[in-house]
N, C-alpha and C. Protein backbone atom coordinates (compact mmCIF):
# COMPACT_ATOMS: atom_id res chain seq x y z
N MET A 1 75.07 112.88 89.24
CA MET A 1 76.24 113.21 90.16
C MET A 1 77.05 114.64 89.77
N SER A 2 76.12 115.66 89.96
CA SER A 2 76.70 116.92 89.42
C SER A 2 77.77 117.43 90.55
N LYS A 3 78.77 118.29 89.95
CA LYS A 3 79.34 118.87 91.37
C LYS A 3 79.34 120.63 91.36
N GLN A 4 79.16 121.18 92.30
CA GLN A 4 78.92 122.16 92.44
C GLN A 4 79.90 123.05 92.98
N GLU A 5 80.54 124.43 92.77
CA GLU A 5 81.67 125.20 93.38
C GLU A 5 81.24 126.37 93.53
N LEU A 6 81.04 127.07 94.55
CA LEU A 6 80.77 128.65 94.78
C LEU A 6 81.85 129.05 95.34
N LYS A 7 82.71 129.95 94.70
CA LYS A 7 83.82 130.47 95.19
C LYS A 7 83.35 132.24 95.62
N THR A 8 83.95 132.97 96.92
CA THR A 8 83.40 134.21 96.75
C THR A 8 84.88 135.10 97.13
N LYS A 9 85.02 135.91 96.65
CA LYS A 9 86.53 136.76 96.99
C LYS A 9 85.89 138.31 97.40
N GLN A 10 86.28 138.58 98.53
CA GLN A 10 85.69 139.93 98.79
C GLN A 10 87.08 140.87 98.95
N THR A 11 86.78 141.86 98.57
CA THR A 11 87.81 143.33 98.58
C THR A 11 87.14 144.62 99.34
N ASN A 12 88.04 144.76 100.14
CA ASN A 12 87.29 145.87 100.86
C ASN A 12 88.12 147.34 99.87
N VAL A 13 87.11 148.30 99.65
CA VAL A 13 87.94 149.57 98.68
C VAL A 13 87.23 150.50 100.31
N SER A 14 88.07 151.59 99.87
CA SER A 14 88.12 152.62 100.57
C SER A 14 88.71 153.90 99.87
N THR A 15 87.79 155.00 99.90
CA THR A 15 88.44 156.07 99.03
C THR A 15 88.20 157.27 100.58
N VAL A 16 88.80 158.33 100.18
CA VAL A 16 88.67 159.61 101.06
C VAL A 16 87.24 159.83 101.89
N ASP A 17 86.33 159.48 101.03
CA ASP A 17 84.55 159.86 101.61
C ASP A 17 84.24 158.63 101.94
N SER A 18 84.84 157.48 101.18
CA SER A 18 83.49 156.61 101.98
C SER A 18 84.34 154.80 101.86
N THR A 19 83.34 153.93 102.16
CA THR A 19 84.41 152.76 102.53
C THR A 19 83.39 151.68 101.54
N GLY A 20 84.06 151.16 100.73
CA GLY A 20 82.86 149.78 99.80
C GLY A 20 83.50 148.60 99.86
N ARG A 21 82.83 147.79 99.56
CA ARG A 21 83.20 146.25 99.25
C ARG A 21 83.12 145.82 97.81
N GLN A 22 84.00 145.17 97.40
CA GLN A 22 83.86 144.50 95.99
C GLN A 22 83.63 143.02 96.35
N VAL A 23 82.91 142.46 95.74
CA VAL A 23 82.79 141.13 95.94
C VAL A 23 82.35 140.27 94.61
N GLU A 24 83.41 139.44 94.08
CA GLU A 24 83.71 138.60 93.07
C GLU A 24 83.22 136.99 93.61
N GLN A 25 81.84 136.27 92.78
CA GLN A 25 81.85 135.25 92.94
C GLN A 25 81.98 134.22 91.86
N ILE A 26 82.57 133.25 91.75
CA ILE A 26 82.59 132.39 90.92
C ILE A 26 82.20 130.61 91.07
N LEU A 27 81.13 130.79 90.23
CA LEU A 27 80.08 129.24 90.35
C LEU A 27 81.06 128.33 89.12
N THR A 28 81.41 127.09 89.62
CA THR A 28 81.89 126.25 88.89
C THR A 28 80.59 125.05 88.94
N PHE A 29 80.29 124.47 87.68
CA PHE A 29 79.11 123.51 87.37
C PHE A 29 80.02 122.39 86.83
N ASP A 30 80.31 121.38 86.90
CA ASP A 30 80.36 120.30 86.30
C ASP A 30 79.51 119.46 86.43
N ASP A 31 79.10 118.98 85.13
CA ASP A 31 77.68 118.05 85.13
C ASP A 31 78.32 116.23 85.28
N SER A 32 79.74 115.91 84.66
CA SER A 32 79.98 114.97 84.53
C SER A 32 79.68 114.11 85.90
N PHE A 33 79.33 112.60 85.42
CA PHE A 33 78.34 111.26 86.34
C PHE A 33 79.92 110.84 87.20
N LEU A 34 81.16 111.18 86.18
CA LEU A 34 82.46 110.40 87.12
C LEU A 34 83.11 111.46 87.71
N PRO A 35 83.67 111.14 89.17
CA PRO A 35 84.61 111.93 89.90
C PRO A 35 85.88 112.17 89.27
N SER A 36 86.53 113.29 89.85
CA SER A 36 88.08 113.32 89.46
C SER A 36 88.93 112.25 89.49
N PRO A 37 89.97 112.18 88.90
CA PRO A 37 90.98 111.00 89.30
C PRO A 37 91.07 111.20 90.61
N ASN A 38 91.40 112.15 91.65
CA ASN A 38 91.77 112.04 92.70
C ASN A 38 90.87 111.45 93.71
N GLU A 39 89.67 111.71 93.57
CA GLU A 39 88.82 110.98 94.16
C GLU A 39 88.17 109.78 93.55
N LEU A 40 88.52 109.27 92.69
CA LEU A 40 88.70 108.08 92.23
C LEU A 40 89.40 107.19 93.02
N LYS A 41 90.60 107.78 92.89
CA LYS A 41 91.88 106.97 93.80
C LYS A 41 91.17 107.06 95.21
N GLU A 42 90.71 107.93 95.84
CA GLU A 42 90.11 107.41 97.40
C GLU A 42 89.01 106.42 97.58
N TYR A 43 88.32 106.63 96.02
CA TYR A 43 86.92 105.69 96.44
C TYR A 43 87.92 104.42 96.18
N LYS A 44 88.19 104.37 95.59
CA LYS A 44 89.46 102.62 94.74
C LYS A 44 89.93 102.19 96.30
N GLU A 45 90.51 103.03 97.44
CA GLU A 45 90.71 102.59 98.21
C GLU A 45 90.18 102.08 99.44
N ILE A 46 88.18 102.89 99.17
CA ILE A 46 87.60 102.30 100.17
C ILE A 46 86.90 100.74 99.53
N ASN A 47 87.01 101.24 98.09
CA ASN A 47 86.17 99.71 97.45
C ASN A 47 87.01 99.52 96.30
N PRO A 48 87.48 98.63 95.75
CA PRO A 48 88.10 98.47 94.81
C PRO A 48 87.38 98.09 93.30
N ASP A 49 85.97 97.53 93.64
CA ASP A 49 85.10 97.37 92.78
C ASP A 49 84.23 99.20 92.43
N ILE A 50 84.12 99.90 93.20
CA ILE A 50 83.81 100.90 92.92
C ILE A 50 84.09 101.62 91.71
N VAL A 51 85.05 101.55 90.91
CA VAL A 51 85.69 102.39 89.68
C VAL A 51 85.10 101.83 88.51
N LYS A 52 84.63 100.41 88.67
CA LYS A 52 84.12 99.77 87.50
C LYS A 52 82.84 100.06 87.68
N LEU A 53 82.22 100.05 88.72
CA LEU A 53 80.82 100.51 88.96
C LEU A 53 80.57 101.81 88.52
N LEU A 54 81.47 102.80 88.70
CA LEU A 54 80.84 104.12 88.44
C LEU A 54 81.13 104.26 86.73
N ILE A 55 81.88 103.80 86.52
CA ILE A 55 81.96 103.83 84.64
C ILE A 55 80.91 103.09 84.18
N ASP A 56 80.52 101.74 84.46
CA ASP A 56 79.20 101.90 84.18
C ASP A 56 78.02 102.47 84.24
N ALA A 57 77.97 103.05 85.47
CA ALA A 57 76.94 104.14 85.56
C ALA A 57 76.86 105.29 85.12
N SER A 58 78.34 105.63 84.63
CA SER A 58 78.27 106.60 83.77
C SER A 58 78.09 106.46 82.43
N LYS A 59 78.59 105.16 81.75
CA LYS A 59 77.78 104.77 80.16
C LYS A 59 76.50 104.77 80.28
N LYS A 60 75.81 104.42 81.24
CA LYS A 60 74.13 104.16 81.57
C LYS A 60 73.60 105.49 81.49
N GLU A 61 74.14 106.31 82.41
CA GLU A 61 73.91 108.04 82.13
C GLU A 61 74.04 108.58 80.77
N GLN A 62 74.89 108.67 80.27
CA GLN A 62 75.56 108.90 78.81
C GLN A 62 74.60 108.28 77.70
N GLU A 63 73.95 106.98 77.76
CA GLU A 63 72.79 106.46 77.14
C GLU A 63 71.55 107.08 77.04
N HIS A 64 71.38 107.45 78.41
CA HIS A 64 70.07 108.00 78.76
C HIS A 64 70.11 109.55 78.23
N ARG A 65 71.26 109.87 78.43
CA ARG A 65 70.95 111.43 78.08
C ARG A 65 70.81 111.32 76.49
N HIS A 66 71.52 110.55 75.73
CA HIS A 66 71.39 110.29 74.17
C HIS A 66 70.22 110.22 73.88
N PHE A 67 69.57 109.21 74.57
CA PHE A 67 68.29 108.16 74.30
C PHE A 67 67.18 110.22 74.34
N ILE A 68 67.19 110.49 75.32
CA ILE A 68 66.56 112.22 75.89
C ILE A 68 66.43 113.12 74.84
N ASP A 69 68.13 113.29 74.24
CA ASP A 69 68.08 114.29 73.05
C ASP A 69 67.77 113.86 71.74
N LYS A 70 67.53 112.12 71.53
CA LYS A 70 66.59 112.15 70.28
C LYS A 70 65.50 112.38 70.89
N GLN A 71 64.67 112.03 71.66
CA GLN A 71 63.37 112.35 71.95
C GLN A 71 63.32 113.93 71.34
N LYS A 72 64.04 114.67 72.46
CA LYS A 72 63.60 115.71 71.81
C LYS A 72 63.59 116.40 70.40
N ILE A 73 64.71 115.84 69.82
CA ILE A 73 64.85 116.19 68.13
C ILE A 73 63.49 115.83 67.68
N LYS A 74 63.10 114.33 67.89
CA LYS A 74 62.25 113.89 67.70
C LYS A 74 60.81 114.82 67.74
N ALA A 75 60.55 115.07 68.80
CA ALA A 75 59.47 116.38 69.20
C ALA A 75 59.21 117.37 68.35
N ILE A 76 60.83 118.09 68.25
CA ILE A 76 60.80 119.21 67.51
C ILE A 76 60.58 118.81 66.15
N ASN A 77 60.96 118.00 65.78
CA ASN A 77 60.51 117.48 63.96
C ASN A 77 59.26 117.20 64.08
N ARG A 78 58.25 116.58 64.66
CA ARG A 78 57.17 116.55 64.08
C ARG A 78 56.47 117.64 64.43
N ASP A 79 56.97 118.29 65.64
CA ASP A 79 55.96 119.91 65.97
C ASP A 79 56.29 120.87 64.29
N SER A 80 57.57 120.76 64.02
CA SER A 80 57.85 121.61 62.76
C SER A 80 57.37 121.06 61.69
N SER A 81 57.17 119.38 61.35
CA SER A 81 56.43 119.05 60.37
C SER A 81 54.96 119.32 60.52
N SER A 82 54.18 119.06 61.51
CA SER A 82 52.84 119.80 61.79
C SER A 82 52.91 120.93 61.28
N LEU A 83 53.62 122.01 61.81
CA LEU A 83 53.11 123.67 61.71
C LEU A 83 53.45 123.77 60.01
N HIS A 84 54.25 123.01 59.54
CA HIS A 84 54.56 123.12 58.07
C HIS A 84 53.40 122.61 57.13
N SER A 85 52.55 122.02 57.62
CA SER A 85 51.66 120.81 56.81
C SER A 85 50.27 122.32 57.56
N ILE A 86 50.33 122.66 58.68
CA ILE A 86 49.28 123.67 58.60
C ILE A 86 49.51 124.88 57.56
N ASN A 87 50.34 125.19 57.60
CA ASN A 87 51.13 126.74 56.55
C ASN A 87 50.18 126.12 55.20
N VAL A 88 50.61 124.94 54.92
CA VAL A 88 50.48 124.56 53.57
C VAL A 88 49.04 124.45 53.19
N LEU A 89 48.11 123.57 54.18
CA LEU A 89 46.48 123.59 53.95
C LEU A 89 46.34 125.04 53.49
N GLY A 90 46.55 125.94 54.90
CA GLY A 90 45.97 127.06 54.73
C GLY A 90 46.49 127.94 53.46
N MET A 91 47.30 127.49 52.85
CA MET A 91 47.51 128.58 51.81
C MET A 91 46.76 127.53 50.16
N ILE A 92 46.64 126.52 50.48
CA ILE A 92 45.78 125.97 49.68
C ILE A 92 44.58 126.43 49.82
N PHE A 93 43.87 126.38 50.73
CA PHE A 93 42.07 126.82 51.44
C PHE A 93 42.36 128.35 50.85
N ALA A 94 43.19 129.55 50.94
CA ALA A 94 43.34 130.46 50.86
C ALA A 94 43.24 130.23 49.25
N PHE A 95 43.89 129.75 48.35
CA PHE A 95 43.66 129.77 47.26
C PHE A 95 42.45 129.60 46.61
N LEU A 96 41.93 128.27 47.01
CA LEU A 96 40.69 127.93 46.68
C LEU A 96 39.38 128.87 47.10
N ILE A 97 39.97 129.86 48.22
CA ILE A 97 38.71 130.80 48.53
C ILE A 97 38.61 131.87 47.57
N ILE A 98 40.19 132.35 47.30
CA ILE A 98 39.81 133.43 46.18
C ILE A 98 39.70 133.07 44.90
N ALA A 99 40.12 131.80 44.33
CA ALA A 99 39.84 131.28 42.97
C ALA A 99 37.90 131.17 43.16
N GLY A 100 37.37 130.64 44.42
CA GLY A 100 35.98 130.69 44.24
C GLY A 100 35.63 132.17 44.22
N GLY A 101 36.17 132.81 45.14
CA GLY A 101 35.15 134.37 44.50
C GLY A 101 35.18 134.93 43.66
N LEU A 102 36.62 134.85 42.96
CA LEU A 102 36.75 135.77 41.68
C LEU A 102 35.94 134.35 40.20
N CYS A 103 35.65 133.03 40.55
CA CYS A 103 34.50 132.62 39.88
C CYS A 103 33.38 133.06 40.03
N LEU A 104 33.01 133.51 41.34
CA LEU A 104 31.60 133.99 41.60
C LEU A 104 31.43 135.47 40.91
N SER A 105 32.63 135.94 40.97
CA SER A 105 32.33 137.59 40.48
C SER A 105 32.75 137.33 39.44
N ALA A 106 32.84 136.52 38.55
CA ALA A 106 33.14 136.33 36.77
C ALA A 106 31.47 135.81 36.54
N TYR A 107 30.99 134.83 36.96
CA TYR A 107 29.44 134.45 37.27
C TYR A 107 28.49 135.52 37.29
N LEU A 108 28.74 136.85 37.93
CA LEU A 108 27.86 137.65 38.50
C LEU A 108 28.17 138.63 37.33
N ILE A 109 29.61 138.77 36.41
CA ILE A 109 29.50 139.83 35.63
C ILE A 109 29.17 139.45 34.14
N GLN A 110 28.99 137.96 34.51
CA GLN A 110 28.25 137.21 33.16
C GLN A 110 26.86 137.33 33.00
N SER A 111 26.23 137.65 34.45
CA SER A 111 25.12 137.43 34.66
C SER A 111 24.05 138.74 34.61
N ASN A 112 25.06 140.04 33.98
CA ASN A 112 24.98 140.99 33.84
C ASN A 112 24.44 141.88 34.83
N LYS A 113 25.29 141.50 36.16
CA LYS A 113 25.25 142.29 37.49
C LYS A 113 26.78 142.79 37.65
N ASP A 114 27.24 143.31 36.64
CA ASP A 114 28.64 144.28 36.81
C ASP A 114 29.03 144.93 37.96
N VAL A 115 27.85 145.59 38.38
CA VAL A 115 28.72 146.38 39.35
C VAL A 115 28.83 145.35 40.67
N ILE A 116 27.76 144.61 41.16
CA ILE A 116 28.06 143.45 41.94
C ILE A 116 29.27 143.00 41.69
N GLY A 117 29.12 142.36 40.75
CA GLY A 117 30.65 141.68 40.57
C GLY A 117 31.88 142.14 40.49
N THR A 118 31.75 143.05 40.12
CA THR A 118 33.16 143.84 40.29
C THR A 118 33.49 144.33 41.94
N ILE A 119 32.53 144.48 42.30
CA ILE A 119 32.98 144.99 43.77
C ILE A 119 33.45 143.69 44.40
N PHE A 120 32.62 142.79 44.31
CA PHE A 120 32.84 141.08 44.74
C PHE A 120 34.69 140.98 44.77
N ALA A 121 34.71 141.05 43.31
CA ALA A 121 36.06 141.11 42.68
C ALA A 121 37.13 141.83 43.38
N GLY A 122 36.74 143.01 43.43
CA GLY A 122 37.99 143.69 44.19
C GLY A 122 38.14 143.73 45.83
N SER A 123 36.53 143.10 46.23
CA SER A 123 36.84 143.07 47.99
C SER A 123 37.81 141.74 47.79
N THR A 124 37.71 140.74 46.97
CA THR A 124 38.08 139.61 47.48
C THR A 124 39.51 139.52 47.19
N ILE A 125 40.02 140.50 45.97
CA ILE A 125 41.51 140.58 45.91
C ILE A 125 42.02 141.31 46.81
N VAL A 126 41.68 142.25 47.30
CA VAL A 126 42.07 143.62 48.43
C VAL A 126 41.84 142.81 49.67
N ILE A 127 41.22 142.09 50.07
CA ILE A 127 41.14 140.91 51.20
C ILE A 127 42.45 139.90 51.13
N ALA A 128 42.14 139.25 50.31
CA ALA A 128 43.50 138.41 50.08
C ALA A 128 44.70 139.05 50.30
N ALA A 129 44.98 140.44 49.50
CA ALA A 129 46.28 140.69 49.87
C ALA A 129 46.58 141.37 51.43
N LEU A 130 45.47 141.43 51.68
CA LEU A 130 45.62 142.03 53.35
C LEU A 130 45.85 141.42 54.12
N THR A 131 45.06 139.81 53.68
CA THR A 131 45.67 138.79 54.65
C THR A 131 46.83 137.84 54.63
N PHE A 132 47.24 137.94 53.02
CA PHE A 132 49.03 137.92 53.24
C PHE A 132 49.83 138.87 53.20
N LEU A 133 49.92 140.16 53.30
CA LEU A 133 50.29 141.11 54.14
C LEU A 133 50.47 141.08 55.87
N ASN A 134 49.53 140.64 56.43
CA ASN A 134 49.69 140.40 57.90
C ASN A 134 50.30 139.25 58.18
N HIS A 135 49.92 138.27 57.10
CA HIS A 135 50.75 137.20 58.00
C HIS A 135 51.88 137.18 57.47
N THR A 136 52.37 138.27 56.74
CA THR A 136 54.15 138.09 56.46
C THR A 136 54.63 138.96 57.15
N LYS A 137 54.12 139.82 58.13
CA LYS A 137 54.42 140.90 59.25
C LYS A 137 54.59 139.88 60.15
N LYS A 138 53.64 138.88 60.39
CA LYS A 138 54.26 137.92 61.45
C LYS A 138 55.15 137.49 61.89
């Protein structure tokens, strides 16, 4: 039972060269379930039990809004938690890939393949650094 009110105020403005119009609009929006006290008096004259009915309906409406707000907060927390988990898993897998690449490079260097091992180690470090730099820019 939301109330809306639109007021329009119009003023004619004229100068030597032209005539114009200045318009001011005021929009009032009341999202309260209960009517104003004056309206409640008028409703009570029609039906004495309507005030209790409106108060009960207002309480139910408020409980429903609180329930919906709690559901929204739970959804946001769930989404934030899953995003955090994805970020942590990404960091763990990135570390494992980098560590594996460096271990493979160390193995290649130990196997007397110094050039290939060094290139592989350098490219692993450079790719890891670029990935983290691009991630921090986002």
